Amino acid sequence: MKPPSFAVIFIVLILPCLYAGSENFNTGSPFGPIDGTAIERLAQFSKTKGIDLVAEMQKAYSKDEDALARVFGFCIYFDSLDQNARAYGQIVYSSMLNLGEAWGIDKFSQVLANQDTKVQQRIRDFLFYDITQAPKDQRMQIEAQVRSDYPTLFPPDYVFGRDDPVFSDSTKKRREETQGTVLPLMEGK
C-alpha cells in the first residue's frame, strides 16, 4: 500500500489546537489558507535547494529525528514571509502540534535545541507567529500561558523576531502594540 501524500497528511493532521481555551482565537492555521498548490510549490522550491521537504516530513512523521532536523534546517532559505515561507511555516507549526502530541513537546524541543542558534530562532519564530495573530486583548494572556506550558520550546530568553528578517515587520508591529507593557513571565527574569 502506498503511503498517503504529504498534502493528505498535512490536511488530516492540522486539526489539533494548543490554545483551545482562548475565546475567539482560532489557532491551527496561523499562516492563512495553505492549499495543495502552495505545498507543491514549496516542494519544488525545496528540491532546488537540495532537499525533498515532502519526503523529509514523511520520515519525521515516522519518528525520524534527523529528518525533522533537516526540515528545521531548511528554514534558512527564507528571507521574507512570502507564500513559500507561509506554507513552510504551516508545515512546521503542524509538525509541532502533531509530533508534540506523538513524541511529547520536550522531545520535539530537544531536536530543535540541537540546531544552530539561527535555526532555533527562526523555527521558534514560525511557531510563535500564531500568538502574534491572536486578538490584541488576548495576546499577552496567550503568550504567558504558552511560555508557562512549553518552557523548553520557548525558553525565557526567547524574543520573537530577534535578528530575523522574515519576521521583522511582525516584530515592529508587536513592539508598537506592546510599547510600555511588561509581558507576563518576563518580569524579574
N, C-alpha and C. Protein backbone atom coordinates (compact mmCIF):
# COMPACT_ATOMS: atom_id res chain seq x y z
N MET A 1 0.84 -1.19 0.00
CA MET A 1 0.00 0.00 0.00
C MET A 1 0.88 1.25 0.00
N LYS A 2 0.58 2.17 -0.86
CA LYS A 2 1.33 3.41 -0.99
C LYS A 2 1.01 4.33 0.19
N PRO A 3 2.06 4.93 0.83
CA PRO A 3 1.78 5.85 1.94
C PRO A 3 1.05 7.09 1.43
N PRO A 4 0.24 7.71 2.28
CA PRO A 4 -0.50 8.90 1.85
C PRO A 4 0.45 10.04 1.50
N SER A 5 0.03 10.89 0.59
CA SER A 5 0.84 12.03 0.21
C SER A 5 0.95 13.01 1.37
N PHE A 6 1.96 13.85 1.31
CA PHE A 6 2.16 14.83 2.37
C PHE A 6 0.97 15.77 2.47
N ALA A 7 0.39 16.14 1.34
CA ALA A 7 -0.76 17.05 1.36
C ALA A 7 -1.90 16.43 2.16
N VAL A 8 -2.14 15.13 1.99
CA VAL A 8 -3.20 14.46 2.73
C VAL A 8 -2.84 14.41 4.21
N ILE A 9 -1.60 14.05 4.52
CA ILE A 9 -1.16 14.03 5.92
C ILE A 9 -1.34 15.41 6.52
N PHE A 10 -0.94 16.42 5.80
CA PHE A 10 -1.00 17.80 6.28
C PHE A 10 -2.43 18.20 6.62
N ILE A 11 -3.35 17.93 5.74
CA ILE A 11 -4.74 18.33 5.94
C ILE A 11 -5.36 17.55 7.10
N VAL A 12 -5.10 16.26 7.17
CA VAL A 12 -5.70 15.44 8.21
C VAL A 12 -5.13 15.77 9.59
N LEU A 13 -3.86 16.07 9.66
CA LEU A 13 -3.21 16.25 10.95
C LEU A 13 -3.21 17.67 11.48
N ILE A 14 -3.74 18.62 10.77
CA ILE A 14 -3.68 20.01 11.21
C ILE A 14 -4.73 20.36 12.26
N LEU A 15 -5.67 19.49 12.51
CA LEU A 15 -6.80 19.82 13.37
C LEU A 15 -6.50 20.10 14.84
N PRO A 16 -5.51 19.44 15.49
CA PRO A 16 -5.32 19.73 16.92
C PRO A 16 -4.95 21.18 17.17
N CYS A 17 -5.32 21.69 18.31
CA CYS A 17 -5.01 23.07 18.68
C CYS A 17 -4.38 23.10 20.06
N LEU A 18 -3.42 23.98 20.26
CA LEU A 18 -2.78 24.12 21.57
C LEU A 18 -3.56 25.03 22.49
N TYR A 19 -4.20 26.03 21.96
CA TYR A 19 -4.79 27.06 22.78
C TYR A 19 -6.30 27.06 22.68
N ALA A 20 -6.89 25.90 22.76
CA ALA A 20 -8.32 25.77 22.53
C ALA A 20 -9.15 26.58 23.52
N GLY A 21 -8.61 26.90 24.67
CA GLY A 21 -9.37 27.62 25.67
C GLY A 21 -9.51 29.10 25.42
N SER A 22 -8.81 29.67 24.49
CA SER A 22 -8.86 31.10 24.24
C SER A 22 -10.07 31.44 23.38
N GLU A 23 -10.87 32.37 23.88
CA GLU A 23 -12.08 32.78 23.17
C GLU A 23 -11.74 33.46 21.85
N ASN A 24 -12.50 33.15 20.83
CA ASN A 24 -12.42 33.83 19.55
C ASN A 24 -11.03 33.79 18.92
N PHE A 25 -10.23 32.82 19.27
CA PHE A 25 -8.91 32.71 18.67
C PHE A 25 -8.79 31.33 18.06
N ASN A 26 -8.91 31.27 16.76
CA ASN A 26 -8.89 30.00 16.05
C ASN A 26 -7.48 29.71 15.59
N THR A 27 -6.75 28.99 16.39
CA THR A 27 -5.40 28.61 16.03
C THR A 27 -5.44 27.38 15.13
N GLY A 28 -4.35 27.04 14.56
CA GLY A 28 -4.28 25.88 13.68
C GLY A 28 -3.78 26.25 12.30
N SER A 29 -4.08 27.44 11.84
CA SER A 29 -3.64 27.90 10.53
C SER A 29 -3.14 29.34 10.62
N PRO A 30 -2.06 29.57 11.37
CA PRO A 30 -1.60 30.94 11.58
C PRO A 30 -1.11 31.64 10.31
N PHE A 31 -0.79 30.87 9.28
CA PHE A 31 -0.24 31.47 8.07
C PHE A 31 -1.28 31.61 6.97
N GLY A 32 -2.54 31.47 7.35
CA GLY A 32 -3.62 31.62 6.38
C GLY A 32 -3.88 30.32 5.65
N PRO A 33 -4.81 30.38 4.72
CA PRO A 33 -5.14 29.16 3.98
C PRO A 33 -3.95 28.70 3.12
N ILE A 34 -3.58 27.46 3.29
CA ILE A 34 -2.49 26.86 2.50
C ILE A 34 -3.10 25.66 1.79
N ASP A 35 -3.10 25.71 0.47
CA ASP A 35 -3.70 24.62 -0.28
C ASP A 35 -2.62 23.71 -0.87
N GLY A 36 -3.07 22.68 -1.55
CA GLY A 36 -2.15 21.71 -2.16
C GLY A 36 -1.20 22.34 -3.16
N THR A 37 -1.66 23.36 -3.86
CA THR A 37 -0.80 24.05 -4.82
C THR A 37 0.35 24.75 -4.10
N ALA A 38 0.08 25.36 -2.98
CA ALA A 38 1.13 26.03 -2.21
C ALA A 38 2.14 25.02 -1.69
N ILE A 39 1.66 23.86 -1.24
CA ILE A 39 2.55 22.80 -0.75
C ILE A 39 3.41 22.29 -1.90
N GLU A 40 2.81 22.10 -3.05
CA GLU A 40 3.57 21.61 -4.22
C GLU A 40 4.62 22.64 -4.65
N ARG A 41 4.26 23.90 -4.64
CA ARG A 41 5.21 24.97 -4.99
C ARG A 41 6.39 24.97 -4.00
N LEU A 42 6.09 24.81 -2.72
CA LEU A 42 7.15 24.72 -1.71
C LEU A 42 8.00 23.48 -1.93
N ALA A 43 7.37 22.36 -2.26
CA ALA A 43 8.12 21.12 -2.52
C ALA A 43 9.09 21.31 -3.68
N GLN A 44 8.65 21.97 -4.73
CA GLN A 44 9.54 22.23 -5.87
C GLN A 44 10.67 23.17 -5.47
N PHE A 45 10.36 24.20 -4.71
CA PHE A 45 11.38 25.13 -4.22
C PHE A 45 12.41 24.39 -3.37
N SER A 46 11.94 23.51 -2.50
CA SER A 46 12.88 22.78 -1.62
C SER A 46 13.82 21.91 -2.43
N LYS A 47 13.32 21.33 -3.49
CA LYS A 47 14.18 20.48 -4.34
C LYS A 47 15.27 21.30 -5.01
N THR A 48 14.98 22.57 -5.33
CA THR A 48 16.03 23.41 -5.92
C THR A 48 17.13 23.73 -4.91
N LYS A 49 16.83 23.54 -3.63
CA LYS A 49 17.81 23.78 -2.56
C LYS A 49 18.44 22.48 -2.07
N GLY A 50 18.11 21.37 -2.74
CA GLY A 50 18.75 20.09 -2.43
C GLY A 50 18.08 19.27 -1.34
N ILE A 51 16.83 19.57 -1.02
CA ILE A 51 16.12 18.79 -0.01
C ILE A 51 14.71 18.50 -0.52
N ASP A 52 14.28 17.27 -0.32
CA ASP A 52 12.91 16.89 -0.66
C ASP A 52 12.10 17.04 0.63
N LEU A 53 11.53 18.21 0.81
CA LEU A 53 10.84 18.54 2.05
C LEU A 53 9.68 17.59 2.34
N VAL A 54 8.96 17.19 1.31
CA VAL A 54 7.83 16.27 1.49
C VAL A 54 8.34 14.93 2.02
N ALA A 55 9.37 14.39 1.42
CA ALA A 55 9.93 13.11 1.86
C ALA A 55 10.47 13.22 3.29
N GLU A 56 11.13 14.33 3.59
CA GLU A 56 11.67 14.52 4.94
C GLU A 56 10.57 14.62 5.98
N MET A 57 9.47 15.29 5.65
CA MET A 57 8.36 15.37 6.60
C MET A 57 7.71 14.00 6.79
N GLN A 58 7.60 13.22 5.74
CA GLN A 58 7.05 11.88 5.90
C GLN A 58 7.93 11.06 6.84
N LYS A 59 9.25 11.19 6.71
CA LYS A 59 10.17 10.50 7.62
C LYS A 59 10.02 11.03 9.04
N ALA A 60 9.89 12.33 9.17
CA ALA A 60 9.74 12.93 10.50
C ALA A 60 8.47 12.40 11.18
N TYR A 61 7.39 12.28 10.43
CA TYR A 61 6.15 11.75 10.99
C TYR A 61 6.27 10.26 11.32
N SER A 62 7.32 9.63 10.82
CA SER A 62 7.62 8.24 11.19
C SER A 62 8.64 8.22 12.33
N LYS A 63 8.75 9.33 13.05
CA LYS A 63 9.61 9.49 14.23
C LYS A 63 11.10 9.48 13.91
N ASP A 64 11.46 10.04 12.76
CA ASP A 64 12.87 10.18 12.38
C ASP A 64 13.33 11.58 12.79
N GLU A 65 14.07 11.64 13.89
CA GLU A 65 14.53 12.92 14.42
C GLU A 65 15.48 13.64 13.47
N ASP A 66 16.32 12.89 12.77
CA ASP A 66 17.25 13.51 11.82
C ASP A 66 16.50 14.17 10.67
N ALA A 67 15.43 13.55 10.23
CA ALA A 67 14.61 14.15 9.17
C ALA A 67 13.98 15.45 9.66
N LEU A 68 13.47 15.44 10.89
CA LEU A 68 12.90 16.67 11.44
C LEU A 68 13.97 17.76 11.53
N ALA A 69 15.17 17.38 11.90
CA ALA A 69 16.26 18.35 11.97
C ALA A 69 16.55 18.94 10.59
N ARG A 70 16.48 18.11 9.56
CA ARG A 70 16.70 18.62 8.20
C ARG A 70 15.58 19.56 7.77
N VAL A 71 14.35 19.23 8.17
CA VAL A 71 13.22 20.13 7.89
C VAL A 71 13.45 21.46 8.59
N PHE A 72 13.87 21.42 9.85
CA PHE A 72 14.18 22.66 10.57
C PHE A 72 15.26 23.44 9.85
N GLY A 73 16.32 22.78 9.44
CA GLY A 73 17.45 23.44 8.79
C GLY A 73 17.07 24.15 7.50
N PHE A 74 16.00 23.70 6.86
CA PHE A 74 15.56 24.31 5.60
C PHE A 74 15.11 25.76 5.80
N CYS A 75 14.80 26.15 7.01
CA CYS A 75 14.28 27.49 7.29
C CYS A 75 15.24 28.60 6.86
N ILE A 76 16.50 28.29 6.73
CA ILE A 76 17.49 29.32 6.37
C ILE A 76 17.32 29.85 4.95
N TYR A 77 16.52 29.18 4.15
CA TYR A 77 16.34 29.59 2.75
C TYR A 77 15.28 30.67 2.56
N PHE A 78 14.70 31.16 3.64
CA PHE A 78 13.67 32.20 3.53
C PHE A 78 14.22 33.52 4.02
N ASP A 79 13.86 34.60 3.31
CA ASP A 79 14.27 35.93 3.76
C ASP A 79 13.09 36.89 3.85
N SER A 80 11.89 36.36 3.60
CA SER A 80 10.66 37.14 3.78
C SER A 80 9.52 36.16 4.03
N LEU A 81 8.41 36.67 4.46
CA LEU A 81 7.25 35.82 4.74
C LEU A 81 6.39 35.73 3.48
N ASP A 82 7.01 35.20 2.42
CA ASP A 82 6.31 35.03 1.15
C ASP A 82 5.47 33.75 1.20
N GLN A 83 4.86 33.40 0.08
CA GLN A 83 3.96 32.23 0.05
C GLN A 83 4.68 30.94 0.40
N ASN A 84 5.92 30.76 -0.08
CA ASN A 84 6.66 29.55 0.28
C ASN A 84 6.96 29.52 1.78
N ALA A 85 7.34 30.65 2.34
CA ALA A 85 7.64 30.71 3.77
C ALA A 85 6.37 30.45 4.58
N ARG A 86 5.24 30.95 4.11
CA ARG A 86 3.98 30.70 4.82
C ARG A 86 3.61 29.21 4.78
N ALA A 87 3.77 28.59 3.63
CA ALA A 87 3.49 27.15 3.53
C ALA A 87 4.45 26.37 4.44
N TYR A 88 5.71 26.74 4.42
CA TYR A 88 6.70 26.09 5.29
C TYR A 88 6.34 26.32 6.76
N GLY A 89 5.99 27.54 7.10
CA GLY A 89 5.61 27.84 8.48
C GLY A 89 4.43 27.00 8.94
N GLN A 90 3.46 26.81 8.06
CA GLN A 90 2.31 25.99 8.42
C GLN A 90 2.73 24.54 8.63
N ILE A 91 3.66 24.05 7.81
CA ILE A 91 4.15 22.68 7.96
C ILE A 91 4.87 22.53 9.29
N VAL A 92 5.73 23.48 9.62
CA VAL A 92 6.47 23.42 10.89
C VAL A 92 5.50 23.51 12.06
N TYR A 93 4.55 24.43 11.98
CA TYR A 93 3.56 24.59 13.04
C TYR A 93 2.76 23.30 13.23
N SER A 94 2.31 22.71 12.14
CA SER A 94 1.55 21.47 12.21
C SER A 94 2.39 20.34 12.77
N SER A 95 3.67 20.32 12.40
CA SER A 95 4.54 19.26 12.93
C SER A 95 4.69 19.40 14.43
N MET A 96 4.75 20.64 14.93
CA MET A 96 4.83 20.85 16.37
C MET A 96 3.57 20.33 17.05
N LEU A 97 2.41 20.61 16.49
CA LEU A 97 1.17 20.13 17.08
C LEU A 97 1.13 18.61 17.09
N ASN A 98 1.45 18.02 15.96
CA ASN A 98 1.30 16.58 15.82
C ASN A 98 2.43 15.77 16.44
N LEU A 99 3.66 16.17 16.18
CA LEU A 99 4.78 15.46 16.78
C LEU A 99 4.86 15.76 18.28
N GLY A 100 4.47 16.95 18.66
CA GLY A 100 4.40 17.26 20.08
C GLY A 100 3.45 16.33 20.80
N GLU A 101 2.37 16.00 20.15
CA GLU A 101 1.41 15.05 20.73
C GLU A 101 1.96 13.63 20.69
N ALA A 102 2.57 13.24 19.57
CA ALA A 102 3.07 11.87 19.42
C ALA A 102 4.34 11.61 20.23
N TRP A 103 5.27 12.57 20.22
CA TRP A 103 6.57 12.40 20.90
C TRP A 103 6.60 13.06 22.25
N GLY A 104 5.84 14.11 22.39
CA GLY A 104 5.93 15.00 23.54
C GLY A 104 6.68 16.25 23.12
N ILE A 105 6.25 17.38 23.65
CA ILE A 105 6.87 18.66 23.29
C ILE A 105 8.35 18.70 23.68
N ASP A 106 8.71 18.06 24.78
CA ASP A 106 10.12 18.09 25.21
C ASP A 106 11.04 17.43 24.19
N LYS A 107 10.61 16.33 23.60
CA LYS A 107 11.43 15.66 22.58
C LYS A 107 11.50 16.52 21.31
N PHE A 108 10.37 17.08 20.92
CA PHE A 108 10.34 17.98 19.76
C PHE A 108 11.30 19.15 20.02
N SER A 109 11.22 19.71 21.23
CA SER A 109 12.07 20.83 21.60
C SER A 109 13.54 20.44 21.62
N GLN A 110 13.82 19.21 22.02
CA GLN A 110 15.21 18.73 22.06
C GLN A 110 15.81 18.68 20.65
N VAL A 111 15.03 18.22 19.68
CA VAL A 111 15.51 18.22 18.30
C VAL A 111 15.82 19.65 17.87
N LEU A 112 14.95 20.58 18.24
CA LEU A 112 15.18 21.99 17.91
C LEU A 112 16.41 22.53 18.63
N ALA A 113 16.57 22.20 19.89
CA ALA A 113 17.70 22.71 20.68
C ALA A 113 19.04 22.24 20.15
N ASN A 114 19.06 21.16 19.38
CA ASN A 114 20.31 20.65 18.81
C ASN A 114 20.69 21.34 17.50
N GLN A 115 19.90 22.32 17.09
CA GLN A 115 20.16 23.04 15.84
C GLN A 115 20.99 24.30 16.10
N ASP A 116 21.54 24.84 15.03
CA ASP A 116 22.24 26.12 15.09
C ASP A 116 21.33 27.19 15.69
N THR A 117 21.89 28.16 16.37
CA THR A 117 21.07 29.18 17.04
C THR A 117 20.18 29.96 16.07
N LYS A 118 20.66 30.21 14.85
CA LYS A 118 19.81 30.93 13.88
C LYS A 118 18.61 30.07 13.47
N VAL A 119 18.84 28.77 13.34
CA VAL A 119 17.73 27.87 13.02
C VAL A 119 16.76 27.81 14.19
N GLN A 120 17.26 27.72 15.40
CA GLN A 120 16.39 27.71 16.58
C GLN A 120 15.50 28.96 16.61
N GLN A 121 16.13 30.11 16.39
CA GLN A 121 15.38 31.37 16.42
C GLN A 121 14.29 31.38 15.35
N ARG A 122 14.65 31.02 14.13
CA ARG A 122 13.70 31.06 13.02
C ARG A 122 12.55 30.08 13.25
N ILE A 123 12.85 28.87 13.69
CA ILE A 123 11.77 27.90 13.92
C ILE A 123 10.87 28.36 15.05
N ARG A 124 11.46 28.85 16.12
CA ARG A 124 10.63 29.38 17.21
C ARG A 124 9.77 30.54 16.72
N ASP A 125 10.32 31.36 15.84
CA ASP A 125 9.53 32.47 15.28
C ASP A 125 8.35 31.94 14.46
N PHE A 126 8.60 30.92 13.64
CA PHE A 126 7.49 30.33 12.89
C PHE A 126 6.43 29.79 13.84
N LEU A 127 6.84 29.16 14.91
CA LEU A 127 5.89 28.58 15.86
C LEU A 127 5.17 29.66 16.67
N PHE A 128 5.90 30.69 17.07
CA PHE A 128 5.35 31.76 17.90
C PHE A 128 4.46 32.71 17.10
N TYR A 129 4.63 32.72 15.80
CA TYR A 129 3.86 33.62 14.93
C TYR A 129 2.36 33.51 15.20
N ASP A 130 1.89 32.31 15.50
CA ASP A 130 0.48 32.10 15.79
C ASP A 130 0.01 33.03 16.90
N ILE A 131 0.82 33.21 17.93
CA ILE A 131 0.45 34.06 19.05
C ILE A 131 0.31 35.51 18.60
N THR A 132 1.14 35.93 17.66
CA THR A 132 1.06 37.31 17.18
C THR A 132 -0.21 37.57 16.39
N GLN A 133 -0.90 36.51 16.01
CA GLN A 133 -2.14 36.65 15.25
C GLN A 133 -3.38 36.67 16.14
N ALA A 134 -3.18 36.42 17.43
CA ALA A 134 -4.30 36.43 18.38
C ALA A 134 -4.85 37.85 18.51
N PRO A 135 -6.10 37.98 18.89
CA PRO A 135 -6.64 39.31 19.15
C PRO A 135 -5.78 40.03 20.20
N LYS A 136 -5.58 41.33 20.00
CA LYS A 136 -4.69 42.10 20.88
C LYS A 136 -5.03 41.94 22.35
N ASP A 137 -6.31 41.92 22.66
CA ASP A 137 -6.71 41.84 24.08
C ASP A 137 -6.45 40.47 24.70
N GLN A 138 -6.13 39.47 23.89
CA GLN A 138 -5.85 38.13 24.40
C GLN A 138 -4.38 37.74 24.29
N ARG A 139 -3.64 38.49 23.51
CA ARG A 139 -2.28 38.11 23.15
C ARG A 139 -1.36 37.88 24.34
N MET A 140 -1.35 38.80 25.28
CA MET A 140 -0.44 38.68 26.41
C MET A 140 -0.80 37.47 27.27
N GLN A 141 -2.07 37.23 27.45
CA GLN A 141 -2.52 36.08 28.24
C GLN A 141 -2.11 34.77 27.54
N ILE A 142 -2.31 34.71 26.24
CA ILE A 142 -1.97 33.51 25.48
C ILE A 142 -0.46 33.29 25.53
N GLU A 143 0.30 34.36 25.34
CA GLU A 143 1.76 34.24 25.39
C GLU A 143 2.21 33.73 26.75
N ALA A 144 1.67 34.27 27.81
CA ALA A 144 2.05 33.84 29.15
C ALA A 144 1.73 32.36 29.36
N GLN A 145 0.57 31.95 28.89
CA GLN A 145 0.17 30.55 29.04
C GLN A 145 1.08 29.62 28.24
N VAL A 146 1.38 29.99 27.00
CA VAL A 146 2.23 29.15 26.15
C VAL A 146 3.64 29.07 26.74
N ARG A 147 4.18 30.19 27.17
CA ARG A 147 5.52 30.17 27.77
C ARG A 147 5.54 29.33 29.05
N SER A 148 4.48 29.38 29.80
CA SER A 148 4.39 28.59 31.04
C SER A 148 4.25 27.10 30.72
N ASP A 149 3.43 26.78 29.74
CA ASP A 149 3.17 25.38 29.40
C ASP A 149 4.32 24.72 28.64
N TYR A 150 5.08 25.51 27.86
CA TYR A 150 6.11 24.94 26.99
C TYR A 150 7.45 25.66 27.15
N PRO A 151 8.03 25.62 28.35
CA PRO A 151 9.28 26.36 28.59
C PRO A 151 10.48 25.82 27.81
N THR A 152 10.45 24.56 27.42
CA THR A 152 11.57 24.03 26.63
C THR A 152 11.47 24.49 25.18
N LEU A 153 10.28 24.76 24.73
CA LEU A 153 10.10 25.24 23.36
C LEU A 153 10.34 26.74 23.27
N PHE A 154 9.85 27.48 24.27
CA PHE A 154 10.01 28.93 24.30
C PHE A 154 10.70 29.31 25.62
N PRO A 155 12.03 29.18 25.67
CA PRO A 155 12.75 29.49 26.91
C PRO A 155 12.61 30.97 27.28
N PRO A 156 12.88 31.31 28.53
CA PRO A 156 12.69 32.69 28.99
C PRO A 156 13.44 33.74 28.18
N ASP A 157 14.58 33.38 27.59
CA ASP A 157 15.36 34.36 26.83
C ASP A 157 14.91 34.47 25.37
N TYR A 158 13.92 33.69 24.95
CA TYR A 158 13.43 33.77 23.58
C TYR A 158 12.65 35.08 23.38
N VAL A 159 12.98 35.78 22.29
CA VAL A 159 12.29 37.01 21.90
C VAL A 159 11.85 36.84 20.45
N PHE A 160 10.56 36.97 20.21
CA PHE A 160 10.04 36.81 18.85
C PHE A 160 10.70 37.79 17.89
N GLY A 161 11.17 37.25 16.75
CA GLY A 161 11.69 38.08 15.66
C GLY A 161 13.08 38.65 15.86
N ARG A 162 13.77 38.26 16.92
CA ARG A 162 15.11 38.81 17.19
C ARG A 162 16.05 38.49 16.01
N ASP A 163 16.55 39.54 15.38
CA ASP A 163 17.51 39.40 14.27
C ASP A 163 17.01 38.47 13.17
N ASP A 164 15.72 38.48 12.91
CA ASP A 164 15.12 37.58 11.93
C ASP A 164 14.40 38.40 10.86
N PRO A 165 14.99 38.51 9.67
CA PRO A 165 14.37 39.34 8.62
C PRO A 165 13.00 38.84 8.17
N VAL A 166 12.72 37.55 8.31
CA VAL A 166 11.42 37.02 7.90
C VAL A 166 10.31 37.64 8.74
N PHE A 167 10.59 37.87 10.01
CA PHE A 167 9.55 38.35 10.92
C PHE A 167 9.79 39.79 11.37
N SER A 168 10.61 40.53 10.67
CA SER A 168 10.93 41.90 11.09
C SER A 168 9.70 42.80 11.11
N ASP A 169 8.80 42.70 10.13
CA ASP A 169 7.59 43.51 10.12
C ASP A 169 6.68 43.14 11.29
N SER A 170 6.55 41.85 11.55
CA SER A 170 5.72 41.39 12.67
C SER A 170 6.29 41.85 13.99
N THR A 171 7.61 41.85 14.10
CA THR A 171 8.27 42.27 15.33
C THR A 171 8.04 43.75 15.57
N LYS A 172 8.16 44.56 14.51
CA LYS A 172 7.94 46.00 14.64
C LYS A 172 6.50 46.27 15.08
N LYS A 173 5.55 45.60 14.45
CA LYS A 173 4.14 45.77 14.79
C LYS A 173 3.89 45.36 16.24
N ARG A 174 4.46 44.25 16.65
CA ARG A 174 4.29 43.77 18.02
C ARG A 174 4.89 44.74 19.02
N ARG A 175 6.05 45.28 18.72
CA ARG A 175 6.71 46.24 19.61
C ARG A 175 5.83 47.47 19.79
N GLU A 176 5.23 47.96 18.70
CA GLU A 176 4.36 49.13 18.78
C GLU A 176 3.11 48.84 19.62
N GLU A 177 2.58 47.62 19.49
CA GLU A 177 1.36 47.26 20.21
C GLU A 177 1.60 47.08 21.70
N THR A 178 2.80 46.68 22.09
CA THR A 178 3.08 46.38 23.50
C THR A 178 3.99 47.41 24.14
N GLN A 179 4.25 48.50 23.45
CA GLN A 179 5.14 49.53 24.00
C GLN A 179 4.66 49.97 25.38
N GLY A 180 5.59 49.92 26.32
CA GLY A 180 5.29 50.31 27.69
C GLY A 180 4.63 49.22 28.51
N THR A 181 4.47 48.03 27.93
CA THR A 181 3.83 46.93 28.63
C THR A 181 4.88 45.88 28.97
N VAL A 182 4.88 45.41 30.20
CA VAL A 182 5.75 44.31 30.58
C VAL A 182 5.01 43.03 30.32
N LEU A 183 5.60 42.17 29.49
CA LEU A 183 4.94 40.92 29.15
C LEU A 183 4.97 39.96 30.33
N PRO A 184 3.90 39.22 30.55
CA PRO A 184 3.86 38.25 31.65
C PRO A 184 5.00 37.25 31.52
N LEU A 185 5.48 36.77 32.62
CA LEU A 185 6.55 35.79 32.73
C LEU A 185 7.91 36.37 32.37
N MET A 186 7.96 37.59 31.95
CA MET A 186 9.25 38.20 31.63
C MET A 186 9.68 39.10 32.78
N GLU A 187 8.76 39.39 33.72
CA GLU A 187 9.08 40.25 34.84
C GLU A 187 10.10 39.55 35.72
N GLY A 188 11.14 40.27 36.10
CA GLY A 188 12.12 39.75 37.03
C GLY A 188 13.04 38.70 36.46
N LYS A 189 13.02 38.47 35.17
CA LYS A 189 13.89 37.44 34.57
C LYS A 189 15.01 38.10 33.81
